[in-house]
Amino acid sequence: MAQLPPSFATTSSVFAIPYEYYAAMVYNLALRLRSRFRIPAPPGDPLPGLAKAALNVLRTGNSQIAQLHVPADLGRAGIYNIFSDRTY
């Protein structure tokens, strides 16, 4: 989760990224270029939905909470019954 340095990639750099990141980059770049060059959106255009869905995939994947694992030393041998005041 560290920030990349400014000189990370040049025009001749080749690197592999997961498909989820690629889809988010392509769809959101297309959406930005469309507004930059004033290209009108046709009715029922799926591009804004695809761009939003791609970003949501990244948000949910990067904000997952790790599963808690309790060490075996903290476990107990029996279960306490509050009604009989006994450990089984």
PDB file of N, CA and C in Angstrom:
ATOM      1  N   MET A   1       0.821  -1.181   0.000  1.00  0.00           N
ATOM      2  CA  MET A   1       0.000   0.000   0.000  1.00  0.00           C
ATOM      3  C   MET A   1       0.877   1.261   0.000  1.00  0.00           C
ATOM      4  N   ALA A   2       2.053   1.158  -0.548  1.00  0.00           N
ATOM      5  CA  ALA A   2       2.940   2.317  -0.613  1.00  0.00           C
ATOM      6  C   ALA A   2       2.701   3.074  -1.916  1.00  0.00           C
ATOM      7  N   GLN A   3       2.932   4.383  -1.870  1.00  0.00           N
ATOM      8  CA  GLN A   3       2.763   5.209  -3.050  1.00  0.00           C
ATOM      9  C   GLN A   3       3.930   4.975  -3.997  1.00  0.00           C
ATOM     10  N   LEU A   4       3.641   4.929  -5.294  1.00  0.00           N
ATOM     11  CA  LEU A   4       4.684   4.721  -6.283  1.00  0.00           C
ATOM     12  C   LEU A   4       5.479   5.998  -6.485  1.00  0.00           C
ATOM     13  N   PRO A   5       6.776   5.881  -6.752  1.00  0.00           N
ATOM     14  CA  PRO A   5       7.582   7.087  -6.988  1.00  0.00           C
ATOM     15  C   PRO A   5       7.191   7.736  -8.316  1.00  0.00           C
ATOM     16  N   PRO A   6       7.467   9.043  -8.476  1.00  0.00           N
ATOM     17  CA  PRO A   6       7.095   9.733  -9.723  1.00  0.00           C
ATOM     18  C   PRO A   6       7.775   9.160 -10.952  1.00  0.00           C
ATOM     19  N   SER A   7       8.950   8.589 -10.808  1.00  0.00           N
ATOM     20  CA  SER A   7       9.667   8.039 -11.957  1.00  0.00           C
ATOM     21  C   SER A   7       9.416   6.544 -12.117  1.00  0.00           C
ATOM     22  N   PHE A   8       8.222   6.088 -11.695  1.00  0.00           N
ATOM     23  CA  PHE A   8       7.914   4.658 -11.723  1.00  0.00           C
ATOM     24  C   PHE A   8       7.850   4.120 -13.149  1.00  0.00           C
ATOM     25  N   ALA A   9       7.094   4.771 -14.004  1.00  0.00           N
ATOM     26  CA  ALA A   9       6.898   4.260 -15.358  1.00  0.00           C
ATOM     27  C   ALA A   9       7.248   5.326 -16.381  1.00  0.00           C
ATOM     28  N   THR A  10       7.848   4.877 -17.443  1.00  0.00           N
ATOM     29  CA  THR A  10       8.111   5.751 -18.580  1.00  0.00           C
ATOM     30  C   THR A  10       7.323   5.213 -19.763  1.00  0.00           C
ATOM     31  N   THR A  11       7.444   5.841 -20.903  1.00  0.00           N
ATOM     32  CA  THR A  11       6.709   5.384 -22.085  1.00  0.00           C
ATOM     33  C   THR A  11       7.209   4.037 -22.578  1.00  0.00           C
ATOM     34  N   SER A  12       8.400   3.637 -22.194  1.00  0.00           N
ATOM     35  CA  SER A  12       8.927   2.349 -22.631  1.00  0.00           C
ATOM     36  C   SER A  12       8.801   1.265 -21.560  1.00  0.00           C
ATOM     37  N   SER A  13       8.192   1.585 -20.431  1.00  0.00           N
ATOM     38  CA  SER A  13       8.038   0.607 -19.356  1.00  0.00           C
ATOM     39  C   SER A  13       6.921  -0.381 -19.677  1.00  0.00           C
ATOM     40  N   VAL A  14       7.176  -1.641 -19.342  1.00  0.00           N
ATOM     41  CA  VAL A  14       6.172  -2.688 -19.493  1.00  0.00           C
ATOM     42  C   VAL A  14       6.009  -3.347 -18.130  1.00  0.00           C
ATOM     43  N   PHE A  15       4.775  -3.411 -17.658  1.00  0.00           N
ATOM     44  CA  PHE A  15       4.512  -4.065 -16.380  1.00  0.00           C
ATOM     45  C   PHE A  15       3.147  -4.716 -16.435  1.00  0.00           C
ATOM     46  N   ALA A  16       2.987  -5.735 -15.620  1.00  0.00           N
ATOM     47  CA  ALA A  16       1.740  -6.501 -15.601  1.00  0.00           C
ATOM     48  C   ALA A  16       0.864  -6.015 -14.455  1.00  0.00           C
ATOM     49  N   ILE A  17      -0.426  -5.855 -14.746  1.00  0.00           N
ATOM     50  CA  ILE A  17      -1.393  -5.477 -13.721  1.00  0.00           C
ATOM     51  C   ILE A  17      -2.563  -6.442 -13.802  1.00  0.00           C
ATOM     52  N   PRO A  18      -3.272  -6.644 -12.708  1.00  0.00           N
ATOM     53  CA  PRO A  18      -4.448  -7.511 -12.744  1.00  0.00           C
ATOM     54  C   PRO A  18      -5.521  -6.941 -13.662  1.00  0.00           C
ATOM     55  N   TYR A  19      -6.392  -7.808 -14.177  1.00  0.00           N
ATOM     56  CA  TYR A  19      -7.431  -7.381 -15.098  1.00  0.00           C
ATOM     57  C   TYR A  19      -8.346  -6.339 -14.478  1.00  0.00           C
ATOM     58  N   GLU A  20      -8.604  -6.442 -13.184  1.00  0.00           N
ATOM     59  CA  GLU A  20      -9.501  -5.491 -12.530  1.00  0.00           C
ATOM     60  C   GLU A  20      -8.956  -4.071 -12.632  1.00  0.00           C
ATOM     61  N   TYR A  21      -7.644  -3.903 -12.451  1.00  0.00           N
ATOM     62  CA  TYR A  21      -7.033  -2.585 -12.557  1.00  0.00           C
ATOM     63  C   TYR A  21      -7.045  -2.112 -14.008  1.00  0.00           C
ATOM     64  N   TYR A  22      -6.798  -3.019 -14.920  1.00  0.00           N
ATOM     65  CA  TYR A  22      -6.797  -2.660 -16.336  1.00  0.00           C
ATOM     66  C   TYR A  22      -8.177  -2.166 -16.762  1.00  0.00           C
ATOM     67  N   ALA A  23      -9.217  -2.881 -16.350  1.00  0.00           N
ATOM     68  CA  ALA A  23     -10.576  -2.484 -16.720  1.00  0.00           C
ATOM     69  C   ALA A  23     -10.909  -1.118 -16.131  1.00  0.00           C
ATOM     70  N   ALA A  24     -10.537  -0.868 -14.886  1.00  0.00           N
ATOM     71  CA  ALA A  24     -10.814   0.428 -14.267  1.00  0.00           C
ATOM     72  C   ALA A  24     -10.081   1.551 -14.997  1.00  0.00           C
ATOM     73  N   MET A  25      -8.843   1.307 -15.397  1.00  0.00           N
ATOM     74  CA  MET A  25      -8.081   2.328 -16.116  1.00  0.00           C
ATOM     75  C   MET A  25      -8.692   2.616 -17.482  1.00  0.00           C
ATOM     76  N   VAL A  26      -9.036   1.574 -18.224  1.00  0.00           N
ATOM     77  CA  VAL A  26      -9.549   1.758 -19.583  1.00  0.00           C
ATOM     78  C   VAL A  26     -10.904   2.452 -19.577  1.00  0.00           C
ATOM     79  N   TYR A  27     -11.848   1.967 -18.760  1.00  0.00           N
ATOM     80  CA  TYR A  27     -13.193   2.541 -18.769  1.00  0.00           C
ATOM     81  C   TYR A  27     -13.205   3.975 -18.262  1.00  0.00           C
ATOM     82  N   ASN A  28     -12.441   4.259 -17.216  1.00  0.00           N
ATOM     83  CA  ASN A  28     -12.430   5.622 -16.689  1.00  0.00           C
ATOM     84  C   ASN A  28     -11.656   6.577 -17.591  1.00  0.00           C
ATOM     85  N   LEU A  29     -10.630   6.094 -18.262  1.00  0.00           N
ATOM     86  CA  LEU A  29      -9.933   6.928 -19.240  1.00  0.00           C
ATOM     87  C   LEU A  29     -10.859   7.249 -20.412  1.00  0.00           C
ATOM     88  N   ALA A  30     -11.609   6.268 -20.871  1.00  0.00           N
ATOM     89  CA  ALA A  30     -12.559   6.517 -21.965  1.00  0.00           C
ATOM     90  C   ALA A  30     -13.605   7.539 -21.549  1.00  0.00           C
ATOM     91  N   LEU A  31     -14.071   7.450 -20.316  1.00  0.00           N
ATOM     92  CA  LEU A  31     -15.056   8.406 -19.826  1.00  0.00           C
ATOM     93  C   LEU A  31     -14.472   9.817 -19.748  1.00  0.00           C
ATOM     94  N   ARG A  32     -13.233   9.942 -19.298  1.00  0.00           N
ATOM     95  CA  ARG A  32     -12.598  11.257 -19.216  1.00  0.00           C
ATOM     96  C   ARG A  32     -12.289  11.831 -20.593  1.00  0.00           C
ATOM     97  N   LEU A  33     -11.836  10.987 -21.505  1.00  0.00           N
ATOM     98  CA  LEU A  33     -11.539  11.476 -22.849  1.00  0.00           C
ATOM     99  C   LEU A  33     -12.808  11.890 -23.581  1.00  0.00           C
ATOM    100  N   ARG A  34     -13.897  11.206 -23.300  1.00  0.00           N
ATOM    101  CA  ARG A  34     -15.167  11.570 -23.925  1.00  0.00           C
ATOM    102  C   ARG A  34     -15.565  12.990 -23.528  1.00  0.00           C
ATOM    103  N   SER A  35     -15.427  13.305 -22.239  1.00  0.00           N
ATOM    104  CA  SER A  35     -15.790  14.658 -21.809  1.00  0.00           C
ATOM    105  C   SER A  35     -14.762  15.686 -22.289  1.00  0.00           C
ATOM    106  N   ARG A  36     -13.503  15.287 -22.361  1.00  0.00           N
ATOM    107  CA  ARG A  36     -12.452  16.208 -22.812  1.00  0.00           C
ATOM    108  C   ARG A  36     -12.667  16.627 -24.259  1.00  0.00           C
ATOM    109  N   PHE A  37     -13.046  15.696 -25.116  1.00  0.00           N
ATOM    110  CA  PHE A  37     -13.245  15.998 -26.523  1.00  0.00           C
ATOM    111  C   PHE A  37     -14.704  16.255 -26.876  1.00  0.00           C
ATOM    112  N   ARG A  38     -15.548  16.397 -25.848  1.00  0.00           N
ATOM    113  CA  ARG A  38     -16.965  16.744 -25.996  1.00  0.00           C
ATOM    114  C   ARG A  38     -17.704  15.789 -26.929  1.00  0.00           C
ATOM    115  N   ILE A  39     -17.476  14.500 -26.711  1.00  0.00           N
ATOM    116  CA  ILE A  39     -18.186  13.475 -27.481  1.00  0.00           C
ATOM    117  C   ILE A  39     -19.486  13.167 -26.744  1.00  0.00           C
ATOM    118  N   PRO A  40     -20.630  13.329 -27.380  1.00  0.00           N
ATOM    119  CA  PRO A  40     -21.897  13.099 -26.686  1.00  0.00           C
ATOM    120  C   PRO A  40     -22.117  11.613 -26.394  1.00  0.00           C
ATOM    121  N   ALA A  41     -22.803  11.363 -25.294  1.00  0.00           N
ATOM    122  CA  ALA A  41     -23.114   9.981 -24.914  1.00  0.00           C
ATOM    123  C   ALA A  41     -24.418   9.564 -25.576  1.00  0.00           C
ATOM    124  N   PRO A  42     -24.424   8.420 -26.250  1.00  0.00           N
ATOM    125  CA  PRO A  42     -25.674   7.951 -26.857  1.00  0.00           C
ATOM    126  C   PRO A  42     -26.643   7.458 -25.784  1.00  0.00           C
ATOM    127  N   PRO A  43     -27.932   7.390 -26.091  1.00  0.00           N
ATOM    128  CA  PRO A  43     -28.899   6.894 -25.109  1.00  0.00           C
ATOM    129  C   PRO A  43     -28.612   5.437 -24.737  1.00  0.00           C
ATOM    130  N   GLY A  44     -28.714   5.135 -23.460  1.00  0.00           N
ATOM    131  CA  GLY A  44     -28.460   3.775 -22.997  1.00  0.00           C
ATOM    132  C   GLY A  44     -27.003   3.395 -23.019  1.00  0.00           C
ATOM    133  N   ASP A  45     -26.123   4.378 -22.912  1.00  0.00           N
ATOM    134  CA  ASP A  45     -24.681   4.139 -22.980  1.00  0.00           C
ATOM    135  C   ASP A  45     -24.201   3.369 -21.745  1.00  0.00           C
ATOM    136  N   PRO A  46     -23.521   2.228 -21.929  1.00  0.00           N
ATOM    137  CA  PRO A  46     -23.071   1.438 -20.772  1.00  0.00           C
ATOM    138  C   PRO A  46     -21.746   1.916 -20.166  1.00  0.00           C
ATOM    139  N   LEU A  47     -21.049   2.839 -20.810  1.00  0.00           N
ATOM    140  CA  LEU A  47     -19.716   3.231 -20.340  1.00  0.00           C
ATOM    141  C   LEU A  47     -19.705   3.810 -18.923  1.00  0.00           C
ATOM    142  N   PRO A  48     -20.592   4.729 -18.546  1.00  0.00           N
ATOM    143  CA  PRO A  48     -20.546   5.222 -17.159  1.00  0.00           C
ATOM    144  C   PRO A  48     -20.784   4.120 -16.125  1.00  0.00           C
ATOM    145  N   GLY A  49     -21.664   3.199 -16.424  1.00  0.00           N
ATOM    146  CA  GLY A  49     -21.914   2.084 -15.512  1.00  0.00           C
ATOM    147  C   GLY A  49     -20.723   1.154 -15.404  1.00  0.00           C
ATOM    148  N   LEU A  50     -20.063   0.893 -16.532  1.00  0.00           N
ATOM    149  CA  LEU A  50     -18.874   0.042 -16.518  1.00  0.00           C
ATOM    150  C   LEU A  50     -17.736   0.689 -15.733  1.00  0.00           C
ATOM    151  N   ALA A  51     -17.565   2.004 -15.907  1.00  0.00           N
ATOM    152  CA  ALA A  51     -16.506   2.713 -15.190  1.00  0.00           C
ATOM    153  C   ALA A  51     -16.769   2.690 -13.689  1.00  0.00           C
ATOM    154  N   LYS A  52     -18.004   2.920 -13.283  1.00  0.00           N
ATOM    155  CA  LYS A  52     -18.340   2.918 -11.859  1.00  0.00           C
ATOM    156  C   LYS A  52     -18.183   1.521 -11.264  1.00  0.00           C
ATOM    157  N   ALA A  53     -18.629   0.500 -11.988  1.00  0.00           N
ATOM    158  CA  ALA A  53     -18.511  -0.875 -11.501  1.00  0.00           C
ATOM    159  C   ALA A  53     -17.041  -1.284 -11.359  1.00  0.00           C
ATOM    160  N   ALA A  54     -16.201  -0.863 -12.296  1.00  0.00           N
ATOM    161  CA  ALA A  54     -14.778  -1.203 -12.232  1.00  0.00           C
ATOM    162  C   ALA A  54     -14.121  -0.566 -11.010  1.00  0.00           C
ATOM    163  N   LEU A  55     -14.485   0.680 -10.698  1.00  0.00           N
ATOM    164  CA  LEU A  55     -13.924   1.317  -9.505  1.00  0.00           C
ATOM    165  C   LEU A  55     -14.445   0.671  -8.234  1.00  0.00           C
ATOM    166  N   ASN A  56     -15.690   0.240  -8.224  1.00  0.00           N
ATOM    167  CA  ASN A  56     -16.241  -0.431  -7.043  1.00  0.00           C
ATOM    168  C   ASN A  56     -15.556  -1.764  -6.787  1.00  0.00           C
ATOM    169  N   VAL A  57     -15.174  -2.464  -7.851  1.00  0.00           N
ATOM    170  CA  VAL A  57     -14.438  -3.723  -7.694  1.00  0.00           C
ATOM    171  C   VAL A  57     -13.116  -3.466  -6.985  1.00  0.00           C
ATOM    172  N   LEU A  58     -12.434  -2.387  -7.359  1.00  0.00           N
ATOM    173  CA  LEU A  58     -11.165  -2.059  -6.708  1.00  0.00           C
ATOM    174  C   LEU A  58     -11.375  -1.636  -5.267  1.00  0.00           C
ATOM    175  N   ARG A  59     -12.427  -0.868  -5.007  1.00  0.00           N
ATOM    176  CA  ARG A  59     -12.673  -0.416  -3.635  1.00  0.00           C
ATOM    177  C   ARG A  59     -12.968  -1.597  -2.714  1.00  0.00           C
ATOM    178  N   THR A  60     -13.810  -2.505  -3.154  1.00  0.00           N
ATOM    179  CA  THR A  60     -14.162  -3.630  -2.288  1.00  0.00           C
ATOM    180  C   THR A  60     -12.990  -4.585  -2.116  1.00  0.00           C
ATOM    181  N   GLY A  61     -12.203  -4.779  -3.149  1.00  0.00           N
ATOM    182  CA  GLY A  61     -11.050  -5.670  -3.043  1.00  0.00           C
ATOM    183  C   GLY A  61      -9.944  -5.111  -2.180  1.00  0.00           C
ATOM    184  N   ASN A  62      -9.782  -3.802  -2.168  1.00  0.00           N
ATOM    185  CA  ASN A  62      -8.708  -3.181  -1.393  1.00  0.00           C
ATOM    186  C   ASN A  62      -9.110  -2.853   0.028  1.00  0.00           C
ATOM    187  N   SER A  63     -10.380  -2.992   0.357  1.00  0.00           N
ATOM    188  CA  SER A  63     -10.803  -2.646   1.713  1.00  0.00           C
ATOM    189  C   SER A  63     -11.353  -3.850   2.460  1.00  0.00           C
ATOM    190  N   GLN A  64     -10.966  -5.040   2.076  1.00  0.00           N
ATOM    191  CA  GLN A  64     -11.426  -6.224   2.777  1.00  0.00           C
ATOM    192  C   GLN A  64     -10.774  -6.304   4.154  1.00  0.00           C
ATOM    193  N   ILE A  65     -11.534  -6.770   5.106  1.00  0.00           N
ATOM    194  CA  ILE A  65     -11.033  -6.932   6.466  1.00  0.00           C
ATOM    195  C   ILE A  65     -10.501  -8.356   6.610  1.00  0.00           C
ATOM    196  N   ALA A  66      -9.302  -8.464   7.132  1.00  0.00           N
ATOM    197  CA  ALA A  66      -8.678  -9.775   7.281  1.00  0.00           C
ATOM    198  C   ALA A  66      -9.441 -10.608   8.310  1.00  0.00           C
ATOM    199  N   GLN A  67      -9.451 -11.911   8.098  1.00  0.00           N
ATOM    200  CA  GLN A  67     -10.134 -12.817   9.014  1.00  0.00           C
ATOM    201  C   GLN A  67      -9.287 -13.010  10.270  1.00  0.00           C
ATOM    202  N   LEU A  68      -9.941 -12.966  11.404  1.00  0.00           N
ATOM    203  CA  LEU A  68      -9.250 -13.088  12.688  1.00  0.00           C
ATOM    204  C   LEU A  68      -8.956 -14.546  12.980  1.00  0.00           C
ATOM    205  N   HIS A  69      -7.718 -14.828  13.359  1.00  0.00           N
ATOM    206  CA  HIS A  69      -7.308 -16.163  13.771  1.00  0.00           C
ATOM    207  C   HIS A  69      -6.858 -16.088  15.223  1.00  0.00           C
ATOM    208  N   VAL A  70      -7.504 -16.845  16.072  1.00  0.00           N
ATOM    209  CA  VAL A  70      -7.180 -16.862  17.493  1.00  0.00           C
ATOM    210  C   VAL A  70      -6.159 -17.967  17.745  1.00  0.00           C
ATOM    211  N   PRO A  71      -5.078 -17.673  18.465  1.00  0.00           N
ATOM    212  CA  PRO A  71      -4.091 -18.713  18.771  1.00  0.00           C
ATOM    213  C   PRO A  71      -4.709 -19.838  19.600  1.00  0.00           C
ATOM    214  N   ALA A  72      -4.212 -21.043  19.418  1.00  0.00           N
ATOM    215  CA  ALA A  72      -4.748 -22.201  20.126  1.00  0.00           C
ATOM    216  C   ALA A  72      -4.535 -22.086  21.634  1.00  0.00           C
ATOM    217  N   ASP A  73      -3.534 -21.343  22.059  1.00  0.00           N
ATOM    218  CA  ASP A  73      -3.269 -21.184  23.497  1.00  0.00           C
ATOM    219  C   ASP A  73      -4.410 -20.463  24.218  1.00  0.00           C
ATOM    220  N   LEU A  74      -5.155 -19.658  23.502  1.00  0.00           N
ATOM    221  CA  LEU A  74      -6.235 -18.897  24.121  1.00  0.00           C
ATOM    222  C   LEU A  74      -7.542 -19.677  24.206  1.00  0.00           C
ATOM    223  N   GLY A  75      -7.599 -20.843  23.588  1.00  0.00           N
ATOM    224  CA  GLY A  75      -8.811 -21.657  23.628  1.00  0.00           C
ATOM    225  C   GLY A  75      -9.003 -22.287  24.993  1.00  0.00           C
ATOM    226  N   ARG A  76     -10.198 -22.766  25.253  1.00  0.00           N
ATOM    227  CA  ARG A  76     -10.459 -23.422  26.536  1.00  0.00           C
ATOM    228  C   ARG A  76     -10.879 -24.856  26.290  1.00  0.00           C
ATOM    229  N   ALA A  77     -10.609 -25.700  27.265  1.00  0.00           N
ATOM    230  CA  ALA A  77     -10.854 -27.132  27.109  1.00  0.00           C
ATOM    231  C   ALA A  77     -12.340 -27.463  27.144  1.00  0.00           C
ATOM    232  N   GLY A  78     -13.090 -26.828  28.027  1.00  0.00           N
ATOM    233  CA  GLY A  78     -14.499 -27.140  28.161  1.00  0.00           C
ATOM    234  C   GLY A  78     -15.373 -25.928  27.962  1.00  0.00           C
ATOM    235  N   ILE A  79     -16.665 -26.151  27.967  1.00  0.00           N
ATOM    236  CA  ILE A  79     -17.625 -25.073  27.815  1.00  0.00           C
ATOM    237  C   ILE A  79     -18.374 -24.912  29.121  1.00  0.00           C
ATOM    238  N   TYR A  80     -18.514 -23.689  29.571  1.00  0.00           N
ATOM    239  CA  TYR A  80     -19.173 -23.393  30.837  1.00  0.00           C
ATOM    240  C   TYR A  80     -20.679 -23.261  30.616  1.00  0.00           C
ATOM    241  N   ASN A  81     -21.464 -23.943  31.459  1.00  0.00           N
ATOM    242  CA  ASN A  81     -22.924 -23.880  31.409  1.00  0.00           C
ATOM    243  C   ASN A  81     -23.373 -22.966  32.542  1.00  0.00           C
ATOM    244  N   ILE A  82     -24.035 -21.857  32.196  1.00  0.00           N
ATOM    245  CA  ILE A  82     -24.441 -20.902  33.221  1.00  0.00           C
ATOM    246  C   ILE A  82     -25.602 -21.417  34.081  1.00  0.00           C
ATOM    247  N   PHE A  83     -26.382 -22.370  33.573  1.00  0.00           N
ATOM    248  CA  PHE A  83     -27.529 -22.865  34.320  1.00  0.00           C
ATOM    249  C   PHE A  83     -27.125 -23.890  35.398  1.00  0.00           C
ATOM    250  N   SER A  84     -26.166 -24.739  35.093  1.00  0.00           N
ATOM    251  CA  SER A  84     -25.742 -25.736  36.065  1.00  0.00           C
ATOM    252  C   SER A  84     -24.475 -25.338  36.815  1.00  0.00           C
ATOM    253  N   ASP A  85     -23.847 -24.227  36.400  1.00  0.00           N
ATOM    254  CA  ASP A  85     -22.629 -23.743  37.022  1.00  0.00           C
ATOM    255  C   ASP A  85     -21.527 -24.795  36.949  1.00  0.00           C
ATOM    256  N   ARG A  86     -21.438 -25.478  35.803  1.00  0.00           N
ATOM    257  CA  ARG A  86     -20.435 -26.533  35.618  1.00  0.00           C
ATOM    258  C   ARG A  86     -19.737 -26.355  34.274  1.00  0.00           C
ATOM    259  N   THR A  87     -18.548 -26.881  34.202  1.00  0.00           N
ATOM    260  CA  THR A  87     -17.783 -26.890  32.953  1.00  0.00           C
ATOM    261  C   THR A  87     -17.818 -28.297  32.387  1.00  0.00           C
ATOM    262  N   TYR A  88     -18.151 -28.429  31.133  1.00  0.00           N
ATOM    263  CA  TYR A  88     -18.223 -29.733  30.474  1.00  0.00           C
ATOM    264  C   TYR A  88     -17.080 -29.942  29.535  1.00  0.00           C
TER     265      TYR A  88
END
